[in-house]
Amino acid sequence: MMRKTNAVGLVAGSVMLFAGCAFAQDAARLVAGEAAWDKAGCPQCHGASGEGGSGGESVAGPSLRTTRLAKETLIDTIGCGRPGTQMPSWLAGAYTEIPCYGVKGPVPAGLDRVPVLNADEVAALVDYLLAKVVGK
C-alpha cells in the first residue's frame, strides 16, 4: 500500500512539475510574441489592442480581434505580407530565402518588405495574437 501511495504521489508531482514548466514556456512565448508585435510596429496600423487602426499617419489596418484567419494563414500573412494590399512582409528572407504562399522566388511587385522578424518571432507573434487578441 505504501509503495502504491508513493508511486501515485511521484506521478502527481511529475505532472505538476511538467505543467508548471509548460506554463512558464507558454508565458515566455507570449512575452516573445508581444515583443515581436512591438518590434514590427503592429499597433501603428492595427491599434494598440489589435482592434483595428484608425488611419491618420498610418494605414488603417483591419481588426485582428475579429479575424477568422487560421494560425498558418496568420503566419504567412505576417511573414510574407499580402501582395496587392498595404500589409508588408515582416519576415527576413521572405520570398528570396524562405518560400511564401508556397513559392520561392521574386518578391511580388509593390509589396513592401520590412525584414525585422525571424521565423520564430513571427510564430511567437501569432501565438500571442491567438492567445491575447483574436476573439477577445
N, C-alpha and C. Protein backbone atom coordinates (compact mmCIF):
# COMPACT_ATOMS: atom_id res chain seq x y z
N MET A 1 0.83 -1.19 0.00
CA MET A 1 0.00 0.00 0.00
C MET A 1 0.87 1.25 0.00
N MET A 2 1.94 1.26 0.77
CA MET A 2 2.83 2.40 0.87
C MET A 2 3.50 2.69 -0.47
N ARG A 3 3.93 1.62 -1.16
CA ARG A 3 4.57 1.80 -2.46
C ARG A 3 3.60 2.41 -3.46
N LYS A 4 2.36 1.95 -3.45
CA LYS A 4 1.35 2.47 -4.37
C LYS A 4 1.11 3.95 -4.10
N THR A 5 1.02 4.34 -2.85
CA THR A 5 0.80 5.73 -2.48
C THR A 5 1.99 6.58 -2.92
N ASN A 6 3.21 6.11 -2.70
CA ASN A 6 4.40 6.84 -3.12
C ASN A 6 4.45 6.98 -4.64
N ALA A 7 4.07 5.92 -5.35
CA ALA A 7 4.08 5.97 -6.81
C ALA A 7 3.06 6.98 -7.32
N VAL A 8 1.89 6.99 -6.72
CA VAL A 8 0.86 7.95 -7.12
C VAL A 8 1.34 9.37 -6.84
N GLY A 9 1.94 9.58 -5.70
CA GLY A 9 2.47 10.90 -5.35
C GLY A 9 3.57 11.34 -6.31
N LEU A 10 4.43 10.40 -6.69
CA LEU A 10 5.52 10.70 -7.62
C LEU A 10 4.95 11.08 -8.99
N VAL A 11 3.97 10.36 -9.46
CA VAL A 11 3.35 10.66 -10.75
C VAL A 11 2.65 12.02 -10.68
N ALA A 12 1.89 12.27 -9.63
CA ALA A 12 1.19 13.54 -9.48
C ALA A 12 2.19 14.70 -9.43
N GLY A 13 3.26 14.51 -8.71
CA GLY A 13 4.29 15.55 -8.62
C GLY A 13 4.94 15.82 -9.95
N SER A 14 5.20 14.76 -10.70
CA SER A 14 5.80 14.91 -12.03
C SER A 14 4.86 15.66 -12.97
N VAL A 15 3.58 15.34 -12.91
CA VAL A 15 2.60 16.02 -13.76
C VAL A 15 2.56 17.51 -13.39
N MET A 16 2.56 17.82 -12.11
CA MET A 16 2.51 19.22 -11.69
C MET A 16 3.78 19.96 -12.12
N LEU A 17 4.93 19.32 -12.01
CA LEU A 17 6.18 19.92 -12.43
C LEU A 17 6.17 20.20 -13.92
N PHE A 18 5.72 19.20 -14.69
CA PHE A 18 5.65 19.37 -16.14
C PHE A 18 4.68 20.49 -16.50
N ALA A 19 3.54 20.53 -15.86
CA ALA A 19 2.54 21.57 -16.12
C ALA A 19 3.11 22.95 -15.79
N GLY A 20 3.86 23.04 -14.69
CA GLY A 20 4.49 24.30 -14.32
C GLY A 20 5.51 24.75 -15.34
N CYS A 21 6.30 23.80 -15.85
CA CYS A 21 7.29 24.13 -16.88
C CYS A 21 6.60 24.55 -18.17
N ALA A 22 5.54 23.85 -18.54
CA ALA A 22 4.80 24.19 -19.75
C ALA A 22 4.20 25.58 -19.63
N PHE A 23 3.66 25.91 -18.46
CA PHE A 23 3.09 27.23 -18.24
C PHE A 23 4.17 28.31 -18.38
N ALA A 24 5.35 28.06 -17.82
CA ALA A 24 6.45 29.02 -17.89
C ALA A 24 6.89 29.21 -19.34
N GLN A 25 6.94 28.12 -20.12
CA GLN A 25 7.30 28.22 -21.53
C GLN A 25 6.25 28.99 -22.30
N ASP A 26 4.96 28.71 -22.02
CA ASP A 26 3.88 29.43 -22.69
C ASP A 26 3.95 30.92 -22.36
N ALA A 27 4.19 31.24 -21.11
CA ALA A 27 4.26 32.65 -20.70
C ALA A 27 5.45 33.34 -21.39
N ALA A 28 6.57 32.67 -21.46
CA ALA A 28 7.74 33.23 -22.14
C ALA A 28 7.46 33.41 -23.63
N ARG A 29 6.74 32.47 -24.21
CA ARG A 29 6.40 32.54 -25.64
C ARG A 29 5.49 33.75 -25.90
N LEU A 30 4.54 33.99 -25.00
CA LEU A 30 3.65 35.14 -25.17
C LEU A 30 4.39 36.46 -25.00
N VAL A 31 5.35 36.49 -24.08
CA VAL A 31 6.18 37.69 -23.91
C VAL A 31 6.98 37.94 -25.19
N ALA A 32 7.54 36.87 -25.77
CA ALA A 32 8.29 36.99 -27.02
C ALA A 32 7.38 37.45 -28.15
N GLY A 33 6.16 36.95 -28.17
CA GLY A 33 5.20 37.36 -29.20
C GLY A 33 4.81 38.82 -29.08
N GLU A 34 4.62 39.27 -27.85
CA GLU A 34 4.28 40.68 -27.64
C GLU A 34 5.47 41.58 -28.02
N ALA A 35 6.68 41.11 -27.74
CA ALA A 35 7.87 41.87 -28.14
C ALA A 35 7.96 41.97 -29.66
N ALA A 36 7.61 40.89 -30.37
CA ALA A 36 7.60 40.92 -31.83
C ALA A 36 6.52 41.87 -32.35
N TRP A 37 5.36 41.88 -31.69
CA TRP A 37 4.26 42.81 -32.01
C TRP A 37 4.77 44.25 -31.97
N ASP A 38 5.50 44.57 -30.91
CA ASP A 38 6.04 45.92 -30.75
C ASP A 38 7.18 46.19 -31.74
N LYS A 39 8.06 45.21 -31.92
CA LYS A 39 9.22 45.36 -32.80
C LYS A 39 8.79 45.66 -34.24
N ALA A 40 7.75 44.98 -34.69
CA ALA A 40 7.27 45.18 -36.05
C ALA A 40 6.38 46.42 -36.18
N GLY A 41 6.01 47.01 -35.07
CA GLY A 41 5.17 48.21 -35.11
C GLY A 41 3.73 47.93 -35.47
N CYS A 42 3.25 46.75 -35.14
CA CYS A 42 1.87 46.35 -35.48
C CYS A 42 0.81 47.32 -34.96
N PRO A 43 0.98 47.87 -33.74
CA PRO A 43 -0.05 48.79 -33.23
C PRO A 43 -0.27 50.02 -34.11
N GLN A 44 0.73 50.41 -34.88
CA GLN A 44 0.58 51.60 -35.72
C GLN A 44 -0.56 51.45 -36.72
N CYS A 45 -0.76 50.24 -37.23
CA CYS A 45 -1.83 50.02 -38.21
C CYS A 45 -3.03 49.28 -37.63
N HIS A 46 -2.78 48.38 -36.69
CA HIS A 46 -3.85 47.53 -36.17
C HIS A 46 -4.40 47.99 -34.82
N GLY A 47 -3.89 49.11 -34.29
CA GLY A 47 -4.35 49.62 -33.00
C GLY A 47 -3.60 48.96 -31.86
N ALA A 48 -3.60 49.62 -30.72
CA ALA A 48 -2.83 49.17 -29.56
C ALA A 48 -3.24 47.78 -29.08
N SER A 49 -4.51 47.45 -29.23
CA SER A 49 -5.01 46.15 -28.76
C SER A 49 -5.49 45.28 -29.91
N GLY A 50 -5.09 45.61 -31.13
CA GLY A 50 -5.49 44.82 -32.28
C GLY A 50 -6.91 45.07 -32.73
N GLU A 51 -7.51 46.17 -32.26
CA GLU A 51 -8.91 46.47 -32.55
C GLU A 51 -9.12 47.04 -33.95
N GLY A 52 -8.04 47.35 -34.63
CA GLY A 52 -8.13 47.95 -35.96
C GLY A 52 -7.65 49.37 -35.90
N GLY A 53 -6.93 49.77 -36.90
CA GLY A 53 -6.36 51.10 -36.92
C GLY A 53 -7.36 52.15 -37.36
N SER A 54 -7.06 53.38 -37.04
CA SER A 54 -7.95 54.49 -37.39
C SER A 54 -7.41 55.30 -38.55
N GLY A 55 -6.25 54.93 -39.05
CA GLY A 55 -5.65 55.69 -40.14
C GLY A 55 -4.80 56.81 -39.59
N GLY A 56 -4.94 57.97 -40.13
CA GLY A 56 -4.11 59.09 -39.69
C GLY A 56 -2.74 58.97 -40.34
N GLU A 57 -1.70 58.95 -39.54
CA GLU A 57 -0.35 58.85 -40.07
C GLU A 57 -0.03 57.44 -40.56
N SER A 58 -0.76 56.45 -40.11
CA SER A 58 -0.53 55.06 -40.51
C SER A 58 -1.74 54.52 -41.26
N VAL A 59 -1.53 53.41 -41.91
CA VAL A 59 -2.60 52.72 -42.61
C VAL A 59 -3.64 52.25 -41.60
N ALA A 60 -4.90 52.32 -41.96
CA ALA A 60 -5.96 51.81 -41.09
C ALA A 60 -6.07 50.30 -41.29
N GLY A 61 -5.29 49.55 -40.52
CA GLY A 61 -5.28 48.10 -40.62
C GLY A 61 -6.55 47.49 -40.05
N PRO A 62 -6.92 46.30 -40.52
CA PRO A 62 -8.14 45.66 -40.03
C PRO A 62 -8.02 45.20 -38.58
N SER A 63 -9.15 44.97 -37.97
CA SER A 63 -9.19 44.44 -36.62
C SER A 63 -8.64 43.01 -36.62
N LEU A 64 -7.74 42.74 -35.72
CA LEU A 64 -7.24 41.38 -35.55
C LEU A 64 -8.09 40.64 -34.53
N ARG A 65 -8.90 41.36 -33.80
CA ARG A 65 -9.80 40.74 -32.82
C ARG A 65 -10.89 39.93 -33.52
N THR A 66 -11.27 40.37 -34.71
CA THR A 66 -12.36 39.69 -35.42
C THR A 66 -11.88 38.84 -36.59
N THR A 67 -10.55 38.73 -36.76
CA THR A 67 -10.05 37.95 -37.88
C THR A 67 -10.49 36.49 -37.77
N ARG A 68 -10.68 35.88 -38.90
CA ARG A 68 -11.04 34.46 -38.95
C ARG A 68 -9.90 33.65 -39.58
N LEU A 69 -8.75 34.28 -39.73
CA LEU A 69 -7.62 33.58 -40.33
C LEU A 69 -7.09 32.50 -39.38
N ALA A 70 -6.78 31.35 -39.94
CA ALA A 70 -6.21 30.24 -39.18
C ALA A 70 -4.74 30.54 -38.86
N LYS A 71 -4.18 29.81 -37.92
CA LYS A 71 -2.81 30.03 -37.46
C LYS A 71 -1.81 30.06 -38.62
N GLU A 72 -1.84 29.07 -39.49
CA GLU A 72 -0.89 29.02 -40.60
C GLU A 72 -1.07 30.21 -41.55
N THR A 73 -2.29 30.64 -41.76
CA THR A 73 -2.54 31.78 -42.63
C THR A 73 -2.04 33.07 -41.98
N LEU A 74 -2.20 33.18 -40.67
CA LEU A 74 -1.64 34.34 -39.97
C LEU A 74 -0.12 34.37 -40.09
N ILE A 75 0.52 33.22 -39.95
CA ILE A 75 1.98 33.14 -40.09
C ILE A 75 2.39 33.60 -41.48
N ASP A 76 1.70 33.12 -42.52
CA ASP A 76 2.02 33.52 -43.89
C ASP A 76 1.77 35.01 -44.10
N THR A 77 0.65 35.50 -43.59
CA THR A 77 0.28 36.90 -43.80
C THR A 77 1.28 37.84 -43.14
N ILE A 78 1.66 37.54 -41.91
CA ILE A 78 2.61 38.40 -41.19
C ILE A 78 4.00 38.27 -41.79
N GLY A 79 4.43 37.06 -42.04
CA GLY A 79 5.77 36.84 -42.56
C GLY A 79 5.94 37.30 -44.00
N CYS A 80 4.95 37.02 -44.83
CA CYS A 80 5.07 37.25 -46.27
C CYS A 80 4.32 38.46 -46.77
N GLY A 81 3.54 39.09 -45.91
CA GLY A 81 2.74 40.22 -46.34
C GLY A 81 1.56 39.76 -47.16
N ARG A 82 0.83 40.72 -47.68
CA ARG A 82 -0.32 40.42 -48.55
C ARG A 82 -0.15 41.22 -49.83
N PRO A 83 0.37 40.57 -50.86
CA PRO A 83 0.55 41.29 -52.13
C PRO A 83 -0.76 41.95 -52.56
N GLY A 84 -0.63 43.17 -53.05
CA GLY A 84 -1.80 43.90 -53.50
C GLY A 84 -2.51 44.67 -52.40
N THR A 85 -1.96 44.63 -51.18
CA THR A 85 -2.53 45.37 -50.06
C THR A 85 -1.43 46.19 -49.39
N GLN A 86 -1.77 46.84 -48.31
CA GLN A 86 -0.79 47.63 -47.56
C GLN A 86 -0.02 46.79 -46.54
N MET A 87 -0.36 45.50 -46.40
CA MET A 87 0.31 44.64 -45.42
C MET A 87 1.69 44.24 -45.93
N PRO A 88 2.76 44.75 -45.25
CA PRO A 88 4.11 44.42 -45.70
C PRO A 88 4.55 43.02 -45.24
N SER A 89 5.64 42.60 -45.78
CA SER A 89 6.30 41.36 -45.36
C SER A 89 7.26 41.69 -44.23
N TRP A 90 7.12 40.99 -43.08
CA TRP A 90 7.97 41.28 -41.92
C TRP A 90 9.08 40.26 -41.73
N LEU A 91 9.03 39.15 -42.45
CA LEU A 91 9.97 38.05 -42.27
C LEU A 91 11.26 38.28 -43.05
N ALA A 92 12.38 38.26 -42.35
CA ALA A 92 13.68 38.36 -43.01
C ALA A 92 13.85 37.15 -43.93
N GLY A 93 14.16 37.40 -45.19
CA GLY A 93 14.37 36.32 -46.15
C GLY A 93 13.10 35.86 -46.86
N ALA A 94 11.98 36.53 -46.60
CA ALA A 94 10.72 36.14 -47.24
C ALA A 94 10.87 36.22 -48.76
N TYR A 95 10.37 35.21 -49.43
CA TYR A 95 10.38 35.05 -50.88
C TYR A 95 11.77 34.69 -51.41
N THR A 96 12.82 35.36 -50.97
CA THR A 96 14.14 35.12 -51.53
C THR A 96 14.82 33.89 -50.93
N GLU A 97 14.69 33.69 -49.61
CA GLU A 97 15.29 32.54 -48.95
C GLU A 97 14.25 31.58 -48.38
N ILE A 98 13.11 32.12 -48.03
CA ILE A 98 12.03 31.34 -47.42
C ILE A 98 10.80 31.43 -48.33
N PRO A 99 10.23 30.29 -48.73
CA PRO A 99 9.05 30.33 -49.59
C PRO A 99 7.88 31.04 -48.91
N CYS A 100 7.12 31.77 -49.72
CA CYS A 100 5.92 32.45 -49.25
C CYS A 100 4.74 32.00 -50.09
N TYR A 101 3.68 31.59 -49.41
CA TYR A 101 2.49 31.08 -50.09
C TYR A 101 2.86 29.96 -51.05
N GLY A 102 3.86 29.16 -50.64
CA GLY A 102 4.28 28.01 -51.42
C GLY A 102 5.22 28.32 -52.56
N VAL A 103 5.66 29.57 -52.67
CA VAL A 103 6.51 29.97 -53.79
C VAL A 103 7.78 30.63 -53.27
N LYS A 104 8.91 30.20 -53.81
CA LYS A 104 10.18 30.86 -53.51
C LYS A 104 10.62 31.52 -54.80
N GLY A 105 10.82 32.78 -54.75
CA GLY A 105 11.18 33.47 -55.97
C GLY A 105 11.14 34.96 -55.79
N PRO A 106 10.90 35.66 -56.86
CA PRO A 106 10.96 37.12 -56.76
C PRO A 106 9.87 37.67 -55.84
N VAL A 107 10.19 38.77 -55.21
CA VAL A 107 9.23 39.46 -54.36
C VAL A 107 8.17 40.08 -55.26
N PRO A 108 6.90 39.88 -54.96
CA PRO A 108 5.85 40.47 -55.81
C PRO A 108 5.99 41.99 -55.92
N ALA A 109 5.72 42.49 -57.10
CA ALA A 109 5.79 43.93 -57.34
C ALA A 109 4.85 44.66 -56.39
N GLY A 110 5.33 45.76 -55.84
CA GLY A 110 4.51 46.59 -54.98
C GLY A 110 4.42 46.14 -53.54
N LEU A 111 5.02 45.00 -53.21
CA LEU A 111 4.98 44.52 -51.82
C LEU A 111 6.13 45.14 -51.04
N ASP A 112 5.81 45.84 -49.98
CA ASP A 112 6.85 46.39 -49.11
C ASP A 112 7.43 45.29 -48.26
N ARG A 113 8.74 45.29 -48.11
CA ARG A 113 9.42 44.33 -47.24
C ARG A 113 10.08 45.09 -46.11
N VAL A 114 9.78 44.68 -44.89
CA VAL A 114 10.37 45.27 -43.69
C VAL A 114 10.90 44.08 -42.89
N PRO A 115 12.05 43.54 -43.28
CA PRO A 115 12.53 42.27 -42.71
C PRO A 115 13.13 42.40 -41.30
N VAL A 116 12.26 42.62 -40.32
CA VAL A 116 12.75 42.81 -38.96
C VAL A 116 12.52 41.59 -38.06
N LEU A 117 11.74 40.61 -38.51
CA LEU A 117 11.43 39.44 -37.68
C LEU A 117 12.01 38.17 -38.30
N ASN A 118 12.44 37.25 -37.44
CA ASN A 118 12.83 35.93 -37.93
C ASN A 118 11.61 35.00 -37.82
N ALA A 119 11.74 33.79 -38.31
CA ALA A 119 10.61 32.86 -38.36
C ALA A 119 10.06 32.56 -36.96
N ASP A 120 10.93 32.42 -35.96
CA ASP A 120 10.47 32.13 -34.61
C ASP A 120 9.70 33.32 -34.03
N GLU A 121 10.15 34.53 -34.34
CA GLU A 121 9.44 35.72 -33.86
C GLU A 121 8.05 35.82 -34.50
N VAL A 122 7.95 35.49 -35.78
CA VAL A 122 6.65 35.52 -36.45
C VAL A 122 5.72 34.51 -35.80
N ALA A 123 6.23 33.29 -35.55
CA ALA A 123 5.40 32.24 -34.92
C ALA A 123 4.99 32.65 -33.50
N ALA A 124 5.91 33.26 -32.74
CA ALA A 124 5.58 33.71 -31.38
C ALA A 124 4.54 34.83 -31.43
N LEU A 125 4.65 35.71 -32.41
CA LEU A 125 3.68 36.79 -32.58
C LEU A 125 2.29 36.22 -32.85
N VAL A 126 2.22 35.20 -33.68
CA VAL A 126 0.92 34.57 -33.96
C VAL A 126 0.38 33.89 -32.71
N ASP A 127 1.24 33.22 -31.95
CA ASP A 127 0.78 32.61 -30.69
C ASP A 127 0.23 33.67 -29.75
N TYR A 128 0.91 34.82 -29.68
CA TYR A 128 0.45 35.94 -28.86
C TYR A 128 -0.92 36.43 -29.34
N LEU A 129 -1.06 36.62 -30.65
CA LEU A 129 -2.34 37.08 -31.19
C LEU A 129 -3.47 36.12 -30.87
N LEU A 130 -3.22 34.83 -31.05
CA LEU A 130 -4.26 33.83 -30.81
C LEU A 130 -4.63 33.74 -29.33
N ALA A 131 -3.66 33.98 -28.45
CA ALA A 131 -3.92 33.89 -27.01
C ALA A 131 -4.53 35.17 -26.43
N LYS A 132 -4.14 36.32 -26.96
CA LYS A 132 -4.48 37.59 -26.31
C LYS A 132 -5.33 38.55 -27.14
N VAL A 133 -5.45 38.33 -28.44
CA VAL A 133 -6.11 39.32 -29.28
C VAL A 133 -7.30 38.73 -30.05
N VAL A 134 -7.06 37.71 -30.83
CA VAL A 134 -8.11 37.16 -31.71
C VAL A 134 -9.28 36.65 -30.87
N GLY A 135 -10.46 37.15 -31.20
CA GLY A 135 -11.67 36.73 -30.49
C GLY A 135 -11.86 37.34 -29.12
N LYS A 136 -11.01 38.29 -28.74
CA LYS A 136 -11.08 38.91 -27.42
C LYS A 136 -11.77 40.26 -27.47
